[in-house]
Structure formats: structure tokens, C-alpha cells
């Protein structure tokens, strides 16, 4: 079993290009069945939290390829997934 705090510390990496997308900022849970629907990635768009836009990427649970000791590998393409900007 993995604790949410341990899950959030892992880097999320795209398998298509090896790019680090960020870290898990939140999890979308289906309350009717208790299953995780998606992970929400907090991107590194800001420098020390001051400059630029902070981006969030929503990765459906089905797009997670592998959860390793230090990283989570995901299938992600910007044009196909939902992308939010704050």
C-alpha cells in the first residue's frame, strides 16, 4: 500500500519524451466507487512561486504506465489531455 504523501513526492515523467511533468498536486477520486479517476500534476511553471503561470495537467488513471520507487511514468500528450492554467 502507498500513502498519498509518498505518492505526491514522486516525479511524474512522460514516457513519450522523458520530460518531467511535475509532481502530483491532487487526486480525482470517484466517490461512488472509491476508485482514483485521475491524478492532477502541478507543473513547474513558476520560478520560486513568483514568476510565470502555474500549470496543472490532468492525467487519467488509465494513462499511468508504471509507478516506481522514485518516478511515475505516464502516457501524456499536450494536445490530447486536459490542461488547466491558474
Foldseek 3Di string as FASTA:
>chain_A
DDDVVQQQQAFEAEPVPRDTQAGFPDWDADVVVRDTQWTKGFGPQDDVPPDGWTKIWTAGPVQFDDDDNHHTYGHDDPVPTDIDID
